[in-house]
PDB file of N, CA and C in Angstrom:
ATOM      1  N   MET A   1     -31.235  -3.979  19.970  1.00  0.00           N
ATOM      2  CA  MET A   1     -29.949  -4.714  19.503  1.00  0.00           C
ATOM      3  C   MET A   1     -28.722  -3.639  19.613  1.00  0.00           C
ATOM      4  N   GLN A   2     -27.839  -4.197  20.361  1.00  0.00           N
ATOM      5  CA  GLN A   2     -26.555  -3.447  20.646  1.00  0.00           C
ATOM      6  C   GLN A   2     -25.619  -3.645  19.514  1.00  0.00           C
ATOM      7  N   ARG A   3     -25.083  -2.423  18.767  1.00  0.00           N
ATOM      8  CA  ARG A   3     -24.202  -2.612  17.662  1.00  0.00           C
ATOM      9  C   ARG A   3     -22.796  -2.539  18.310  1.00  0.00           C
ATOM     10  N   ARG A   4     -22.023  -3.513  17.651  1.00  0.00           N
ATOM     11  CA  ARG A   4     -20.536  -3.528  17.778  1.00  0.00           C
ATOM     12  C   ARG A   4     -19.768  -3.234  16.784  1.00  0.00           C
ATOM     13  N   THR A   5     -18.614  -2.752  17.090  1.00  0.00           N
ATOM     14  CA  THR A   5     -17.675  -2.495  16.025  1.00  0.00           C
ATOM     15  C   THR A   5     -16.482  -3.265  16.083  1.00  0.00           C
ATOM     16  N   LYS A   6     -15.802  -3.999  15.169  1.00  0.00           N
ATOM     17  CA  LYS A   6     -14.672  -4.648  15.509  1.00  0.00           C
ATOM     18  C   LYS A   6     -13.620  -3.816  14.732  1.00  0.00           C
ATOM     19  N   ILE A   7     -12.432  -3.633  15.209  1.00  0.00           N
ATOM     20  CA  ILE A   7     -11.407  -2.856  14.871  1.00  0.00           C
ATOM     21  C   ILE A   7     -10.260  -3.606  14.875  1.00  0.00           C
ATOM     22  N   ARG A   8      -9.460  -3.757  14.055  1.00  0.00           N
ATOM     23  CA  ARG A   8      -8.238  -4.625  13.877  1.00  0.00           C
ATOM     24  C   ARG A   8      -7.208  -3.602  13.342  1.00  0.00           C
ATOM     25  N   ARG A   9      -5.989  -3.379  14.301  1.00  0.00           N
ATOM     26  CA  ARG A   9      -5.067  -2.637  13.862  1.00  0.00           C
ATOM     27  C   ARG A   9      -3.860  -3.264  13.218  1.00  0.00           C
ATOM     28  N   ARG A  10      -3.412  -2.991  12.074  1.00  0.00           N
ATOM     29  CA  ARG A  10      -2.149  -3.538  11.334  1.00  0.00           C
ATOM     30  C   ARG A  10      -1.464  -2.531  11.003  1.00  0.00           C
ATOM     31  N   ASP A  11      -0.191  -2.717  11.095  1.00  0.00           N
ATOM     32  CA  ASP A  11       0.759  -1.711  10.556  1.00  0.00           C
ATOM     33  C   ASP A  11       1.105  -2.297   9.120  1.00  0.00           C
ATOM     34  N   THR A  12       1.097  -1.514   8.036  1.00  0.00           N
ATOM     35  CA  THR A  12       1.400  -1.916   6.569  1.00  0.00           C
ATOM     36  C   THR A  12       2.217  -0.733   6.091  1.00  0.00           C
ATOM     37  N   THR A  13       2.824  -1.364   4.941  1.00  0.00           N
ATOM     38  CA  THR A  13       3.585  -0.545   4.074  1.00  0.00           C
ATOM     39  C   THR A  13       3.070  -0.773   2.788  1.00  0.00           C
ATOM     40  N   GLU A  14       2.741   0.518   2.009  1.00  0.00           N
ATOM     41  CA  GLU A  14       2.358   0.512   0.563  1.00  0.00           C
ATOM     42  C   GLU A  14       3.254   0.716  -0.321  1.00  0.00           C
ATOM     43  N   VAL A  15       3.069   0.171  -1.521  1.00  0.00           N
ATOM     44  CA  VAL A  15       3.780   0.500  -2.839  1.00  0.00           C
ATOM     45  C   VAL A  15       2.950   0.792  -3.785  1.00  0.00           C
ATOM     46  N   ILE A  16       3.217   1.868  -4.625  1.00  0.00           N
ATOM     47  CA  ILE A  16       2.294   2.164  -5.646  1.00  0.00           C
ATOM     48  C   ILE A  16       2.945   1.742  -7.005  1.00  0.00           C
ATOM     49  N   THR A  17       2.194   1.572  -7.914  1.00  0.00           N
ATOM     50  CA  THR A  17       2.501   1.579  -9.373  1.00  0.00           C
ATOM     51  C   THR A  17       1.878   2.663 -10.040  1.00  0.00           C
ATOM     52  N   GLY A  18       2.414   3.219 -11.003  1.00  0.00           N
ATOM     53  CA  GLY A  18       2.033   4.318 -11.619  1.00  0.00           C
ATOM     54  C   GLY A  18       3.031   5.592 -11.098  1.00  0.00           C
ATOM     55  N   THR A  19       2.254   6.566 -10.863  1.00  0.00           N
ATOM     56  CA  THR A  19       3.091   7.828 -10.506  1.00  0.00           C
ATOM     57  C   THR A  19       2.496   8.516  -9.060  1.00  0.00           C
ATOM     58  N   PHE A  20       3.121   9.359  -8.478  1.00  0.00           N
ATOM     59  CA  PHE A  20       2.580   9.802  -7.289  1.00  0.00           C
ATOM     60  C   PHE A  20       1.280  10.804  -7.578  1.00  0.00           C
ATOM     61  N   THR A  21       1.281  11.305  -8.740  1.00  0.00           N
ATOM     62  CA  THR A  21      -0.175  11.876  -9.198  1.00  0.00           C
ATOM     63  C   THR A  21      -1.114  11.163  -9.578  1.00  0.00           C
ATOM     64  N   ARG A  22      -0.788  10.042  -9.997  1.00  0.00           N
ATOM     65  CA  ARG A  22      -1.865   9.050 -10.606  1.00  0.00           C
ATOM     66  C   ARG A  22      -1.411   7.758 -10.375  1.00  0.00           C
ATOM     67  N   PRO A  23      -1.590   7.113  -9.013  1.00  0.00           N
ATOM     68  CA  PRO A  23      -1.000   5.676  -8.953  1.00  0.00           C
ATOM     69  C   PRO A  23      -2.247   4.800  -9.465  1.00  0.00           C
ATOM     70  N   GLN A  24      -1.607   3.739 -10.014  1.00  0.00           N
ATOM     71  CA  GLN A  24      -2.605   2.804 -10.720  1.00  0.00           C
ATOM     72  C   GLN A  24      -3.115   1.792  -9.726  1.00  0.00           C
ATOM     73  N   LEU A  25      -2.223   1.279  -8.790  1.00  0.00           N
ATOM     74  CA  LEU A  25      -2.906   0.196  -7.900  1.00  0.00           C
ATOM     75  C   LEU A  25      -1.754   0.142  -6.675  1.00  0.00           C
ATOM     76  N   LEU A  26      -2.185  -0.258  -5.415  1.00  0.00           N
ATOM     77  CA  LEU A  26      -1.301  -0.267  -4.315  1.00  0.00           C
ATOM     78  C   LEU A  26      -0.871  -1.671  -3.955  1.00  0.00           C
ATOM     79  N   ILE A  27       0.328  -1.789  -3.689  1.00  0.00           N
ATOM     80  CA  ILE A  27       0.833  -3.231  -3.248  1.00  0.00           C
ATOM     81  C   ILE A  27       1.225  -3.018  -1.775  1.00  0.00           C
ATOM     82  N   LEU A  28       0.447  -3.982  -1.008  1.00  0.00           N
ATOM     83  CA  LEU A  28       0.462  -3.879   0.467  1.00  0.00           C
ATOM     84  C   LEU A  28       1.566  -4.928   1.136  1.00  0.00           C
ATOM     85  N   GLY A  29       2.160  -4.379   1.947  1.00  0.00           N
ATOM     86  CA  GLY A  29       3.141  -5.047   2.799  1.00  0.00           C
ATOM     87  C   GLY A  29       3.045  -5.011   4.222  1.00  0.00           C
ATOM     88  N   ARG A  30       3.738  -6.128   4.903  1.00  0.00           N
ATOM     89  CA  ARG A  30       3.582  -5.888   6.365  1.00  0.00           C
ATOM     90  C   ARG A  30       4.899  -6.562   7.004  1.00  0.00           C
ATOM     91  N   HIS A  31       5.243  -5.890   7.976  1.00  0.00           N
ATOM     92  CA  HIS A  31       6.456  -6.426   8.558  1.00  0.00           C
ATOM     93  C   HIS A  31       6.418  -7.625   9.553  1.00  0.00           C
ATOM     94  N   ASP A  32       7.089  -8.681   9.410  1.00  0.00           N
ATOM     95  CA  ASP A  32       7.053  -9.763  10.414  1.00  0.00           C
ATOM     96  C   ASP A  32       7.700  -9.338  11.705  1.00  0.00           C
ATOM     97  N   GLN A  33       7.648 -10.440  12.713  1.00  0.00           N
ATOM     98  CA  GLN A  33       8.194 -10.219  13.899  1.00  0.00           C
ATOM     99  C   GLN A  33       9.753  -9.862  13.967  1.00  0.00           C
ATOM    100  N   THR A  34      10.245 -10.304  12.768  1.00  0.00           N
ATOM    101  CA  THR A  34      11.681 -10.108  12.777  1.00  0.00           C
ATOM    102  C   THR A  34      12.231  -8.772  11.953  1.00  0.00           C
ATOM    103  N   GLY A  35      11.032  -7.834  11.488  1.00  0.00           N
ATOM    104  CA  GLY A  35      11.176  -6.851  10.841  1.00  0.00           C
ATOM    105  C   GLY A  35      11.301  -6.841   9.374  1.00  0.00           C
ATOM    106  N   ARG A  36      11.173  -8.054   9.002  1.00  0.00           N
ATOM    107  CA  ARG A  36      11.261  -8.182   7.252  1.00  0.00           C
ATOM    108  C   ARG A  36       9.973  -7.946   6.809  1.00  0.00           C
ATOM    109  N   LEU A  37       9.842  -7.122   5.631  1.00  0.00           N
ATOM    110  CA  LEU A  37       8.797  -6.612   4.856  1.00  0.00           C
ATOM    111  C   LEU A  37       8.300  -7.838   3.977  1.00  0.00           C
ATOM    112  N   HIS A  38       7.150  -8.140   4.059  1.00  0.00           N
ATOM    113  CA  HIS A  38       6.606  -9.201   3.076  1.00  0.00           C
ATOM    114  C   HIS A  38       5.341  -8.525   2.358  1.00  0.00           C
ATOM    115  N   GLY A  39       5.279  -8.854   1.194  1.00  0.00           N
ATOM    116  CA  GLY A  39       4.069  -8.617   0.284  1.00  0.00           C
ATOM    117  C   GLY A  39       3.037  -9.380   0.846  1.00  0.00           C
ATOM    118  N   ILE A  40       1.751  -8.721   0.976  1.00  0.00           N
ATOM    119  CA  ILE A  40       0.608  -9.598   1.441  1.00  0.00           C
ATOM    120  C   ILE A  40      -0.697  -9.238   0.665  1.00  0.00           C
ATOM    121  N   GLY A  41      -0.733  -8.394  -0.413  1.00  0.00           N
ATOM    122  CA  GLY A  41      -1.790  -8.258  -1.285  1.00  0.00           C
ATOM    123  C   GLY A  41      -1.701  -7.035  -2.122  1.00  0.00           C
ATOM    124  N   ARG A  42      -2.706  -6.829  -2.881  1.00  0.00           N
ATOM    125  CA  ARG A  42      -2.642  -5.612  -3.727  1.00  0.00           C
ATOM    126  C   ARG A  42      -4.285  -5.214  -4.114  1.00  0.00           C
ATOM    127  N   THR A  43      -4.169  -3.993  -4.216  1.00  0.00           N
ATOM    128  CA  THR A  43      -5.728  -3.504  -4.747  1.00  0.00           C
ATOM    129  C   THR A  43      -6.031  -3.879  -6.244  1.00  0.00           C
ATOM    130  N   VAL A  44      -7.306  -3.596  -6.400  1.00  0.00           N
ATOM    131  CA  VAL A  44      -7.571  -3.630  -8.020  1.00  0.00           C
ATOM    132  C   VAL A  44      -7.095  -2.180  -8.435  1.00  0.00           C
ATOM    133  N   PRO A  45      -7.061  -2.331  -9.709  1.00  0.00           N
ATOM    134  CA  PRO A  45      -6.682  -0.918 -10.399  1.00  0.00           C
ATOM    135  C   PRO A  45      -7.620   0.090  -9.859  1.00  0.00           C
ATOM    136  N   LEU A  46      -7.011   1.126  -9.516  1.00  0.00           N
ATOM    137  CA  LEU A  46      -7.670   2.226  -8.777  1.00  0.00           C
ATOM    138  C   LEU A  46      -8.391   3.215  -9.938  1.00  0.00           C
ATOM    139  N   ARG A  47      -9.640   3.450  -9.737  1.00  0.00           N
ATOM    140  CA  ARG A  47     -10.458   4.369 -10.544  1.00  0.00           C
ATOM    141  C   ARG A  47      -9.830   5.683 -10.316  1.00  0.00           C
ATOM    142  N   PRO A  48     -10.113   6.654 -11.342  1.00  0.00           N
ATOM    143  CA  PRO A  48      -9.489   8.226 -11.229  1.00  0.00           C
ATOM    144  C   PRO A  48      -9.782   8.777  -9.996  1.00  0.00           C
ATOM    145  N   ASP A  49     -11.178   8.567  -9.582  1.00  0.00           N
ATOM    146  CA  ASP A  49     -11.397   9.340  -8.242  1.00  0.00           C
ATOM    147  C   ASP A  49     -10.521   8.853  -7.096  1.00  0.00           C
ATOM    148  N   ALA A  50     -10.587   7.527  -7.040  1.00  0.00           N
ATOM    149  CA  ALA A  50      -9.887   6.985  -5.813  1.00  0.00           C
ATOM    150  C   ALA A  50      -8.294   7.106  -6.014  1.00  0.00           C
ATOM    151  N   ALA A  51      -7.897   7.083  -7.131  1.00  0.00           N
ATOM    152  CA  ALA A  51      -6.490   7.495  -7.388  1.00  0.00           C
ATOM    153  C   ALA A  51      -6.084   9.000  -6.965  1.00  0.00           C
ATOM    154  N   ARG A  52      -7.011   9.932  -7.199  1.00  0.00           N
ATOM    155  CA  ARG A  52      -6.794  11.299  -6.762  1.00  0.00           C
ATOM    156  C   ARG A  52      -6.801  11.434  -5.084  1.00  0.00           C
ATOM    157  N   LEU A  53      -7.825  10.580  -4.440  1.00  0.00           N
ATOM    158  CA  LEU A  53      -7.646  10.494  -2.969  1.00  0.00           C
ATOM    159  C   LEU A  53      -6.454  10.171  -2.561  1.00  0.00           C
ATOM    160  N   VAL A  54      -6.052   8.865  -2.870  1.00  0.00           N
ATOM    161  CA  VAL A  54      -4.934   8.121  -2.593  1.00  0.00           C
ATOM    162  C   VAL A  54      -3.565   9.068  -2.626  1.00  0.00           C
ATOM    163  N   ALA A  55      -3.581   9.735  -3.873  1.00  0.00           N
ATOM    164  CA  ALA A  55      -2.435  10.453  -4.290  1.00  0.00           C
ATOM    165  C   ALA A  55      -2.127  11.551  -3.209  1.00  0.00           C
ATOM    166  N   GLU A  56      -3.207  12.289  -2.632  1.00  0.00           N
ATOM    167  CA  GLU A  56      -2.994  13.305  -1.676  1.00  0.00           C
ATOM    168  C   GLU A  56      -2.325  12.691  -0.271  1.00  0.00           C
ATOM    169  N   HIS A  57      -2.113  11.441  -0.208  1.00  0.00           N
ATOM    170  CA  HIS A  57      -1.609  10.954   0.961  1.00  0.00           C
ATOM    171  C   HIS A  57      -0.206  10.141   0.845  1.00  0.00           C
ATOM    172  N   LEU A  58       0.330  10.296  -0.275  1.00  0.00           N
ATOM    173  CA  LEU A  58       1.471   9.312  -0.663  1.00  0.00           C
ATOM    174  C   LEU A  58       2.609  10.210  -0.218  1.00  0.00           C
ATOM    175  N   THR A  59       3.823   9.693   0.307  1.00  0.00           N
ATOM    176  CA  THR A  59       4.987  10.220   0.481  1.00  0.00           C
ATOM    177  C   THR A  59       6.188   9.247  -0.073  1.00  0.00           C
ATOM    178  N   PRO A  60       7.140   9.743  -0.500  1.00  0.00           N
ATOM    179  CA  PRO A  60       8.298   8.921  -1.061  1.00  0.00           C
ATOM    180  C   PRO A  60       8.855   8.074  -0.029  1.00  0.00           C
ATOM    181  N   ALA A  61       9.384   6.833  -0.289  1.00  0.00           N
ATOM    182  CA  ALA A  61       9.957   6.027   0.760  1.00  0.00           C
ATOM    183  C   ALA A  61      11.340   6.593   0.999  1.00  0.00           C
ATOM    184  N   ASP A  62      11.547   6.189   2.225  1.00  0.00           N
ATOM    185  CA  ASP A  62      12.939   6.524   2.820  1.00  0.00           C
ATOM    186  C   ASP A  62      14.122   5.868   2.076  1.00  0.00           C
ATOM    187  N   PRO A  63      15.303   6.372   1.898  1.00  0.00           N
ATOM    188  CA  PRO A  63      16.347   5.619   1.332  1.00  0.00           C
ATOM    189  C   PRO A  63      16.737   4.426   2.011  1.00  0.00           C
ATOM    190  N   GLY A  64      16.885   3.385   1.439  1.00  0.00           N
ATOM    191  CA  GLY A  64      17.160   2.052   1.938  1.00  0.00           C
ATOM    192  C   GLY A  64      15.979   1.264   1.985  1.00  0.00           C
ATOM    193  N   HIS A  65      14.764   1.614   1.590  1.00  0.00           N
ATOM    194  CA  HIS A  65      13.607   0.892   1.803  1.00  0.00           C
ATOM    195  C   HIS A  65      13.745  -0.382   1.139  1.00  0.00           C
ATOM    196  N   PRO A  66      13.308  -1.676   1.848  1.00  0.00           N
ATOM    197  CA  PRO A  66      13.589  -2.920   1.431  1.00  0.00           C
ATOM    198  C   PRO A  66      12.983  -3.245   0.017  1.00  0.00           C
ATOM    199  N   TRP A  67      12.053  -2.404  -0.546  1.00  0.00           N
ATOM    200  CA  TRP A  67      11.620  -2.698  -1.837  1.00  0.00           C
ATOM    201  C   TRP A  67      12.010  -1.673  -2.830  1.00  0.00           C
ATOM    202  N   THR A  68      13.076  -1.035  -2.629  1.00  0.00           N
ATOM    203  CA  THR A  68      13.617  -0.136  -3.685  1.00  0.00           C
ATOM    204  C   THR A  68      14.331  -0.965  -4.691  1.00  0.00           C
ATOM    205  N   GLY A  69      13.780  -0.492  -5.948  1.00  0.00           N
ATOM    206  CA  GLY A  69      14.288  -1.211  -7.256  1.00  0.00           C
ATOM    207  C   GLY A  69      13.657  -2.599  -7.321  1.00  0.00           C
ATOM    208  N   VAL A  70      12.696  -2.919  -6.610  1.00  0.00           N
ATOM    209  CA  VAL A  70      12.079  -4.379  -6.993  1.00  0.00           C
ATOM    210  C   VAL A  70      10.843  -3.987  -7.897  1.00  0.00           C
ATOM    211  N   ARG A  71      10.573  -5.050  -8.714  1.00  0.00           N
ATOM    212  CA  ARG A  71       9.595  -4.969  -9.808  1.00  0.00           C
ATOM    213  C   ARG A  71       8.539  -5.677  -9.241  1.00  0.00           C
ATOM    214  N   PHE A  72       7.263  -5.308  -9.439  1.00  0.00           N
ATOM    215  CA  PHE A  72       6.255  -6.227  -9.159  1.00  0.00           C
ATOM    216  C   PHE A  72       5.451  -6.397 -10.277  1.00  0.00           C
ATOM    217  N   ALA A  73       4.784  -7.605 -10.486  1.00  0.00           N
ATOM    218  CA  ALA A  73       3.557  -7.897 -11.599  1.00  0.00           C
ATOM    219  C   ALA A  73       2.488  -7.317 -11.061  1.00  0.00           C
ATOM    220  N   SER A  74       1.867  -6.383 -11.567  1.00  0.00           N
ATOM    221  CA  SER A  74       0.630  -5.665 -11.346  1.00  0.00           C
ATOM    222  C   SER A  74      -0.418  -6.363 -11.948  1.00  0.00           C
ATOM    223  N   THR A  75      -0.529  -7.407 -12.446  1.00  0.00           N
ATOM    224  CA  THR A  75      -1.779  -7.953 -13.303  1.00  0.00           C
ATOM    225  C   THR A  75      -1.875  -9.387 -12.698  1.00  0.00           C
TER     226      THR A  75
END
């Protein structure tokens, strides 16, 4: 039997709750065809080991990010 792998490429933007060293969860966003950023989902609260792995890859948003100052309900 031949194995096949299905790969879907999507560009996303993520927001964290918590801190850069201990993120609590990720809020996921995607740009539509007009360039507007929409929230599309969130993760479950991150376990400490997953939070450490994620924290290694986080960078601050650029000035003027569309979600700057926006508050999200994380529960």
